[in-house]
Amino acid sequence: MIPDPEPAPPPPRADRLIGLFLFGAVAFNPPLLRVFGVEVMVLGWPFLALYVFTVWAGLIALLAVQIERPDATKRRPPRSE
């Protein structure tokens, strides 16, 4: 009888997505937001708003890159001509 193969470990993509989630949770944590809530204007924008929108856009961009990246374990079949 053939023993059952061990389950494959989760792909590294899952680890990266969990890391991005944790980064977002820390970046938008109220104590950290208070650090950036100073009365400083940058190009006419409050520093807190600039921080929030920059981190938000960065997270969206990193998630898009990570989700759209082809998985290394799934290889395309060779093209036949």
PDB file of N, CA and C in Angstrom:
ATOM      1  N   MET A   1       0.834  -1.174   0.000  1.00  0.00           N
ATOM      2  CA  MET A   1       0.000   0.000   0.000  1.00  0.00           C
ATOM      3  C   MET A   1       0.885   1.246   0.000  1.00  0.00           C
ATOM      4  N   ILE A   2       0.508   2.214  -0.787  1.00  0.00           N
ATOM      5  CA  ILE A   2       1.286   3.448  -0.908  1.00  0.00           C
ATOM      6  C   ILE A   2       0.857   4.416   0.195  1.00  0.00           C
ATOM      7  N   PRO A   3       1.836   4.934   0.967  1.00  0.00           N
ATOM      8  CA  PRO A   3       1.448   5.890   2.018  1.00  0.00           C
ATOM      9  C   PRO A   3       0.996   7.213   1.396  1.00  0.00           C
ATOM     10  N   ASP A   4       0.114   7.881   2.128  1.00  0.00           N
ATOM     11  CA  ASP A   4      -0.367   9.186   1.659  1.00  0.00           C
ATOM     12  C   ASP A   4       0.781  10.184   1.671  1.00  0.00           C
ATOM     13  N   PRO A   5       0.899  10.974   0.603  1.00  0.00           N
ATOM     14  CA  PRO A   5       1.971  11.979   0.592  1.00  0.00           C
ATOM     15  C   PRO A   5       1.667  13.082   1.604  1.00  0.00           C
ATOM     16  N   GLU A   6       2.733  13.683   2.105  1.00  0.00           N
ATOM     17  CA  GLU A   6       2.557  14.781   3.060  1.00  0.00           C
ATOM     18  C   GLU A   6       1.948  15.974   2.335  1.00  0.00           C
ATOM     19  N   PRO A   7       1.085  16.709   3.023  1.00  0.00           N
ATOM     20  CA  PRO A   7       0.505  17.891   2.365  1.00  0.00           C
ATOM     21  C   PRO A   7       1.590  18.916   2.060  1.00  0.00           C
ATOM     22  N   ALA A   8       1.427  19.562   0.938  1.00  0.00           N
ATOM     23  CA  ALA A   8       2.415  20.559   0.517  1.00  0.00           C
ATOM     24  C   ALA A   8       2.302  21.797   1.404  1.00  0.00           C
ATOM     25  N   PRO A   9       3.430  22.425   1.697  1.00  0.00           N
ATOM     26  CA  PRO A   9       3.361  23.658   2.489  1.00  0.00           C
ATOM     27  C   PRO A   9       2.665  24.753   1.691  1.00  0.00           C
ATOM     28  N   PRO A  10       2.069  25.726   2.379  1.00  0.00           N
ATOM     29  CA  PRO A  10       1.406  26.805   1.637  1.00  0.00           C
ATOM     30  C   PRO A  10       2.417  27.568   0.795  1.00  0.00           C
ATOM     31  N   PRO A  11       1.980  28.074  -0.334  1.00  0.00           N
ATOM     32  CA  PRO A  11       2.919  28.804  -1.194  1.00  0.00           C
ATOM     33  C   PRO A  11       3.410  30.068  -0.509  1.00  0.00           C
ATOM     34  N   PRO A  12       4.579  30.569  -0.915  1.00  0.00           N
ATOM     35  CA  PRO A  12       5.105  31.779  -0.297  1.00  0.00           C
ATOM     36  C   PRO A  12       4.195  32.984  -0.497  1.00  0.00           C
ATOM     37  N   ARG A  13       3.318  32.938  -1.476  1.00  0.00           N
ATOM     38  CA  ARG A  13       2.397  34.044  -1.711  1.00  0.00           C
ATOM     39  C   ARG A  13       1.523  34.287  -0.486  1.00  0.00           C
ATOM     40  N   ALA A  14       1.063  33.216   0.148  1.00  0.00           N
ATOM     41  CA  ALA A  14       0.217  33.363   1.333  1.00  0.00           C
ATOM     42  C   ALA A  14       0.977  34.068   2.449  1.00  0.00           C
ATOM     43  N   ASP A  15       2.240  33.734   2.620  1.00  0.00           N
ATOM     44  CA  ASP A  15       3.056  34.387   3.646  1.00  0.00           C
ATOM     45  C   ASP A  15       3.203  35.874   3.362  1.00  0.00           C
ATOM     46  N   ARG A  16       3.394  36.217   2.113  1.00  0.00           N
ATOM     47  CA  ARG A  16       3.550  37.636   1.756  1.00  0.00           C
ATOM     48  C   ARG A  16       2.254  38.406   1.959  1.00  0.00           C
ATOM     49  N   LEU A  17       1.126  37.778   1.636  1.00  0.00           N
ATOM     50  CA  LEU A  17      -0.159  38.445   1.841  1.00  0.00           C
ATOM     51  C   LEU A  17      -0.441  38.652   3.328  1.00  0.00           C
ATOM     52  N   ILE A  18      -0.088  37.681   4.137  1.00  0.00           N
ATOM     53  CA  ILE A  18      -0.252  37.833   5.585  1.00  0.00           C
ATOM     54  C   ILE A  18       0.653  38.952   6.089  1.00  0.00           C
ATOM     55  N   GLY A  19       1.873  39.021   5.572  1.00  0.00           N
ATOM     56  CA  GLY A  19       2.785  40.092   5.951  1.00  0.00           C
ATOM     57  C   GLY A  19       2.263  41.462   5.558  1.00  0.00           C
ATOM     58  N   LEU A  20       1.675  41.573   4.372  1.00  0.00           N
ATOM     59  CA  LEU A  20       1.105  42.851   3.946  1.00  0.00           C
ATOM     60  C   LEU A  20      -0.090  43.238   4.811  1.00  0.00           C
ATOM     61  N   PHE A  21      -0.894  42.260   5.194  1.00  0.00           N
ATOM     62  CA  PHE A  21      -2.013  42.555   6.092  1.00  0.00           C
ATOM     63  C   PHE A  21      -1.508  43.082   7.430  1.00  0.00           C
ATOM     64  N   LEU A  22      -0.499  42.418   7.984  1.00  0.00           N
ATOM     65  CA  LEU A  22       0.040  42.856   9.272  1.00  0.00           C
ATOM     66  C   LEU A  22       0.677  44.238   9.164  1.00  0.00           C
ATOM     67  N   PHE A  23       1.354  44.515   8.058  1.00  0.00           N
ATOM     68  CA  PHE A  23       1.927  45.848   7.848  1.00  0.00           C
ATOM     69  C   PHE A  23       0.821  46.901   7.828  1.00  0.00           C
ATOM     70  N   GLY A  24      -0.273  46.602   7.138  1.00  0.00           N
ATOM     71  CA  GLY A  24      -1.392  47.538   7.090  1.00  0.00           C
ATOM     72  C   GLY A  24      -2.030  47.738   8.449  1.00  0.00           C
ATOM     73  N   ALA A  25      -2.138  46.658   9.220  1.00  0.00           N
ATOM     74  CA  ALA A  25      -2.719  46.772  10.559  1.00  0.00           C
ATOM     75  C   ALA A  25      -1.851  47.648  11.462  1.00  0.00           C
ATOM     76  N   VAL A  26      -0.552  47.522  11.335  1.00  0.00           N
ATOM     77  CA  VAL A  26       0.352  48.344  12.150  1.00  0.00           C
ATOM     78  C   VAL A  26       0.378  49.779  11.628  1.00  0.00           C
ATOM     79  N   ALA A  27       0.399  49.951  10.315  1.00  0.00           N
ATOM     80  CA  ALA A  27       0.496  51.295   9.732  1.00  0.00           C
ATOM     81  C   ALA A  27      -0.726  52.150  10.047  1.00  0.00           C
ATOM     82  N   PHE A  28      -1.897  51.518  10.203  1.00  0.00           N
ATOM     83  CA  PHE A  28      -3.116  52.275  10.486  1.00  0.00           C
ATOM     84  C   PHE A  28      -3.559  52.123  11.945  1.00  0.00           C
ATOM     85  N   ASN A  29      -2.640  51.739  12.807  1.00  0.00           N
ATOM     86  CA  ASN A  29      -2.905  51.620  14.225  1.00  0.00           C
ATOM     87  C   ASN A  29      -3.002  53.023  14.831  1.00  0.00           C
ATOM     88  N   PRO A  30      -4.027  53.298  15.633  1.00  0.00           N
ATOM     89  CA  PRO A  30      -4.210  54.661  16.164  1.00  0.00           C
ATOM     90  C   PRO A  30      -2.998  55.263  16.876  1.00  0.00           C
ATOM     91  N   PRO A  31      -2.223  54.503  17.675  1.00  0.00           N
ATOM     92  CA  PRO A  31      -1.043  55.157  18.274  1.00  0.00           C
ATOM     93  C   PRO A  31      -0.039  55.655  17.231  1.00  0.00           C
ATOM     94  N   LEU A  32       0.119  54.909  16.153  1.00  0.00           N
ATOM     95  CA  LEU A  32       1.037  55.364  15.102  1.00  0.00           C
ATOM     96  C   LEU A  32       0.439  56.536  14.332  1.00  0.00           C
ATOM     97  N   LEU A  33      -0.862  56.543  14.144  1.00  0.00           N
ATOM     98  CA  LEU A  33      -1.504  57.666  13.466  1.00  0.00           C
ATOM     99  C   LEU A  33      -1.364  58.952  14.282  1.00  0.00           C
ATOM    100  N   ARG A  34      -1.358  58.828  15.606  1.00  0.00           N
ATOM    101  CA  ARG A  34      -1.168  60.019  16.441  1.00  0.00           C
ATOM    102  C   ARG A  34       0.212  60.627  16.239  1.00  0.00           C
ATOM    103  N   VAL A  35       1.195  59.799  15.942  1.00  0.00           N
ATOM    104  CA  VAL A  35       2.548  60.308  15.686  1.00  0.00           C
ATOM    105  C   VAL A  35       2.534  61.222  14.465  1.00  0.00           C
ATOM    106  N   PHE A  36       1.763  60.844  13.450  1.00  0.00           N
ATOM    107  CA  PHE A  36       1.714  61.631  12.217  1.00  0.00           C
ATOM    108  C   PHE A  36       0.628  62.705  12.243  1.00  0.00           C
ATOM    109  N   GLY A  37      -0.110  62.817  13.330  1.00  0.00           N
ATOM    110  CA  GLY A  37      -1.181  63.802  13.431  1.00  0.00           C
ATOM    111  C   GLY A  37      -0.696  65.164  13.904  1.00  0.00           C
ATOM    112  N   VAL A  38       0.454  65.577  13.458  1.00  0.00           N
ATOM    113  CA  VAL A  38       1.004  66.876  13.864  1.00  0.00           C
ATOM    114  C   VAL A  38       0.420  67.980  12.982  1.00  0.00           C
ATOM    115  N   GLU A  39       0.534  69.207  13.439  1.00  0.00           N
ATOM    116  CA  GLU A  39      -0.006  70.358  12.701  1.00  0.00           C
ATOM    117  C   GLU A  39       0.988  70.844  11.641  1.00  0.00           C
ATOM    118  N   VAL A  40       1.370  69.976  10.751  1.00  0.00           N
ATOM    119  CA  VAL A  40       2.317  70.316   9.689  1.00  0.00           C
ATOM    120  C   VAL A  40       1.609  70.157   8.356  1.00  0.00           C
ATOM    121  N   MET A  41       1.830  71.104   7.467  1.00  0.00           N
ATOM    122  CA  MET A  41       1.254  71.031   6.122  1.00  0.00           C
ATOM    123  C   MET A  41       2.378  70.728   5.129  1.00  0.00           C
ATOM    124  N   VAL A  42       2.125  69.806   4.232  1.00  0.00           N
ATOM    125  CA  VAL A  42       3.075  69.453   3.181  1.00  0.00           C
ATOM    126  C   VAL A  42       2.365  69.679   1.855  1.00  0.00           C
ATOM    127  N   LEU A  43       2.817  70.651   1.109  1.00  0.00           N
ATOM    128  CA  LEU A  43       2.201  71.009  -0.170  1.00  0.00           C
ATOM    129  C   LEU A  43       0.712  71.321  -0.001  1.00  0.00           C
ATOM    130  N   GLY A  44       0.365  71.913   1.112  1.00  0.00           N
ATOM    131  CA  GLY A  44      -1.019  72.287   1.365  1.00  0.00           C
ATOM    132  C   GLY A  44      -1.880  71.172   1.933  1.00  0.00           C
ATOM    133  N   TRP A  45      -1.304  70.010   2.164  1.00  0.00           N
ATOM    134  CA  TRP A  45      -2.031  68.875   2.726  1.00  0.00           C
ATOM    135  C   TRP A  45      -1.592  68.653   4.166  1.00  0.00           C
ATOM    136  N   PRO A  46      -2.513  68.318   5.054  1.00  0.00           N
ATOM    137  CA  PRO A  46      -2.102  67.936   6.410  1.00  0.00           C
ATOM    138  C   PRO A  46      -1.243  66.672   6.345  1.00  0.00           C
ATOM    139  N   PHE A  47      -0.236  66.613   7.194  1.00  0.00           N
ATOM    140  CA  PHE A  47       0.714  65.497   7.154  1.00  0.00           C
ATOM    141  C   PHE A  47       0.027  64.154   7.392  1.00  0.00           C
ATOM    142  N   LEU A  48      -0.972  64.119   8.275  1.00  0.00           N
ATOM    143  CA  LEU A  48      -1.680  62.871   8.554  1.00  0.00           C
ATOM    144  C   LEU A  48      -2.402  62.360   7.312  1.00  0.00           C
ATOM    145  N   ALA A  49      -3.079  63.245   6.595  1.00  0.00           N
ATOM    146  CA  ALA A  49      -3.788  62.831   5.379  1.00  0.00           C
ATOM    147  C   ALA A  49      -2.802  62.329   4.326  1.00  0.00           C
ATOM    148  N   LEU A  50      -1.686  63.009   4.197  1.00  0.00           N
ATOM    149  CA  LEU A  50      -0.666  62.577   3.237  1.00  0.00           C
ATOM    150  C   LEU A  50      -0.127  61.195   3.600  1.00  0.00           C
ATOM    151  N   TYR A  51       0.122  60.974   4.890  1.00  0.00           N
ATOM    152  CA  TYR A  51       0.599  59.663   5.355  1.00  0.00           C
ATOM    153  C   TYR A  51      -0.423  58.572   5.053  1.00  0.00           C
ATOM    154  N   VAL A  52      -1.689  58.813   5.417  1.00  0.00           N
ATOM    155  CA  VAL A  52      -2.724  57.792   5.244  1.00  0.00           C
ATOM    156  C   VAL A  52      -2.901  57.442   3.768  1.00  0.00           C
ATOM    157  N   PHE A  53      -3.009  58.436   2.905  1.00  0.00           N
ATOM    158  CA  PHE A  53      -3.233  58.150   1.486  1.00  0.00           C
ATOM    159  C   PHE A  53      -2.009  57.520   0.825  1.00  0.00           C
ATOM    160  N   THR A  54      -0.815  57.899   1.257  1.00  0.00           N
ATOM    161  CA  THR A  54       0.397  57.304   0.687  1.00  0.00           C
ATOM    162  C   THR A  54       0.525  55.841   1.086  1.00  0.00           C
ATOM    163  N   VAL A  55       0.320  55.536   2.362  1.00  0.00           N
ATOM    164  CA  VAL A  55       0.406  54.144   2.813  1.00  0.00           C
ATOM    165  C   VAL A  55      -0.707  53.312   2.189  1.00  0.00           C
ATOM    166  N   TRP A  56      -1.893  53.875   2.097  1.00  0.00           N
ATOM    167  CA  TRP A  56      -3.021  53.169   1.494  1.00  0.00           C
ATOM    168  C   TRP A  56      -2.728  52.832   0.030  1.00  0.00           C
ATOM    169  N   ALA A  57      -2.252  53.803  -0.726  1.00  0.00           N
ATOM    170  CA  ALA A  57      -1.921  53.561  -2.137  1.00  0.00           C
ATOM    171  C   ALA A  57      -0.782  52.549  -2.252  1.00  0.00           C
ATOM    172  N   GLY A  58       0.194  52.638  -1.366  1.00  0.00           N
ATOM    173  CA  GLY A  58       1.298  51.677  -1.389  1.00  0.00           C
ATOM    174  C   GLY A  58       0.834  50.262  -1.114  1.00  0.00           C
ATOM    175  N   LEU A  59      -0.059  50.099  -0.154  1.00  0.00           N
ATOM    176  CA  LEU A  59      -0.590  48.767   0.133  1.00  0.00           C
ATOM    177  C   LEU A  59      -1.374  48.208  -1.048  1.00  0.00           C
ATOM    178  N   ILE A  60      -2.180  49.047  -1.671  1.00  0.00           N
ATOM    179  CA  ILE A  60      -2.945  48.596  -2.839  1.00  0.00           C
ATOM    180  C   ILE A  60      -1.999  48.181  -3.965  1.00  0.00           C
ATOM    181  N   ALA A  61      -0.957  48.963  -4.197  1.00  0.00           N
ATOM    182  CA  ALA A  61       0.000  48.632  -5.253  1.00  0.00           C
ATOM    183  C   ALA A  61       0.739  47.327  -4.946  1.00  0.00           C
ATOM    184  N   LEU A  62       1.194  47.168  -3.708  1.00  0.00           N
ATOM    185  CA  LEU A  62       1.895  45.932  -3.339  1.00  0.00           C
ATOM    186  C   LEU A  62       0.979  44.714  -3.422  1.00  0.00           C
ATOM    187  N   LEU A  63      -0.273  44.856  -3.013  1.00  0.00           N
ATOM    188  CA  LEU A  63      -1.216  43.752  -3.124  1.00  0.00           C
ATOM    189  C   LEU A  63      -1.486  43.396  -4.585  1.00  0.00           C
ATOM    190  N   ALA A  64      -1.616  44.402  -5.424  1.00  0.00           N
ATOM    191  CA  ALA A  64      -1.861  44.137  -6.846  1.00  0.00           C
ATOM    192  C   ALA A  64      -0.682  43.400  -7.471  1.00  0.00           C
ATOM    193  N   VAL A  65       0.519  43.826  -7.147  1.00  0.00           N
ATOM    194  CA  VAL A  65       1.707  43.154  -7.684  1.00  0.00           C
ATOM    195  C   VAL A  65       1.774  41.724  -7.179  1.00  0.00           C
ATOM    196  N   GLN A  66       1.507  41.527  -5.901  1.00  0.00           N
ATOM    197  CA  GLN A  66       1.599  40.195  -5.322  1.00  0.00           C
ATOM    198  C   GLN A  66       0.527  39.259  -5.857  1.00  0.00           C
ATOM    199  N   ILE A  67      -0.683  39.745  -6.018  1.00  0.00           N
ATOM    200  CA  ILE A  67      -1.766  38.878  -6.476  1.00  0.00           C
ATOM    201  C   ILE A  67      -1.628  38.561  -7.962  1.00  0.00           C
ATOM    202  N   GLU A  68      -1.153  39.503  -8.750  1.00  0.00           N
ATOM    203  CA  GLU A  68      -1.043  39.287 -10.195  1.00  0.00           C
ATOM    204  C   GLU A  68       0.222  38.541 -10.597  1.00  0.00           C
ATOM    205  N   ARG A  69       1.156  38.378  -9.691  1.00  0.00           N
ATOM    206  CA  ARG A  69       2.405  37.672 -10.008  1.00  0.00           C
ATOM    207  C   ARG A  69       2.096  36.202 -10.243  1.00  0.00           C
ATOM    208  N   PRO A  70       2.611  35.613 -11.327  1.00  0.00           N
ATOM    209  CA  PRO A  70       2.347  34.193 -11.554  1.00  0.00           C
ATOM    210  C   PRO A  70       3.025  33.360 -10.467  1.00  0.00           C
ATOM    211  N   ASP A  71       2.353  32.300 -10.066  1.00  0.00           N
ATOM    212  CA  ASP A  71       2.867  31.437  -9.022  1.00  0.00           C
ATOM    213  C   ASP A  71       4.000  30.584  -9.579  1.00  0.00           C
ATOM    214  N   ALA A  72       5.068  30.446  -8.822  1.00  0.00           N
ATOM    215  CA  ALA A  72       6.232  29.687  -9.285  1.00  0.00           C
ATOM    216  C   ALA A  72       5.927  28.197  -9.373  1.00  0.00           C
ATOM    217  N   THR A  73       4.961  27.718  -8.577  1.00  0.00           N
ATOM    218  CA  THR A  73       4.651  26.293  -8.600  1.00  0.00           C
ATOM    219  C   THR A  73       3.775  25.913  -9.792  1.00  0.00           C
ATOM    220  N   LYS A  74       3.096  26.867 -10.374  1.00  0.00           N
ATOM    221  CA  LYS A  74       2.244  26.595 -11.532  1.00  0.00           C
ATOM    222  C   LYS A  74       2.995  27.020 -12.786  1.00  0.00           C
ATOM    223  N   ARG A  75       3.492  26.066 -13.492  1.00  0.00           N
ATOM    224  CA  ARG A  75       4.247  26.376 -14.709  1.00  0.00           C
ATOM    225  C   ARG A  75       3.339  26.208 -15.914  1.00  0.00           C
ATOM    226  N   ARG A  76       3.538  27.067 -16.863  1.00  0.00           N
ATOM    227  CA  ARG A  76       2.751  26.955 -18.101  1.00  0.00           C
ATOM    228  C   ARG A  76       3.263  25.787 -18.932  1.00  0.00           C
ATOM    229  N   PRO A  77       2.353  25.113 -19.608  1.00  0.00           N
ATOM    230  CA  PRO A  77       2.821  24.040 -20.494  1.00  0.00           C
ATOM    231  C   PRO A  77       3.576  24.650 -21.672  1.00  0.00           C
ATOM    232  N   PRO A  78       4.537  23.926 -22.225  1.00  0.00           N
ATOM    233  CA  PRO A  78       5.291  24.468 -23.352  1.00  0.00           C
ATOM    234  C   PRO A  78       4.391  24.716 -24.553  1.00  0.00           C
ATOM    235  N   ARG A  79       4.698  25.794 -25.264  1.00  0.00           N
ATOM    236  CA  ARG A  79       3.911  26.130 -26.459  1.00  0.00           C
ATOM    237  C   ARG A  79       4.305  25.212 -27.596  1.00  0.00           C
ATOM    238  N   SER A  80       3.300  24.695 -28.248  1.00  0.00           N
ATOM    239  CA  SER A  80       3.579  23.872 -29.428  1.00  0.00           C
ATOM    240  C   SER A  80       3.277  24.699 -30.668  1.00  0.00           C
ATOM    241  N   GLU A  81       4.206  24.666 -31.567  1.00  0.00           N
ATOM    242  CA  GLU A  81       4.041  25.478 -32.794  1.00  0.00           C
ATOM    243  C   GLU A  81       3.800  24.597 -33.976  1.00  0.00           C
TER     244      GLU A  81
END
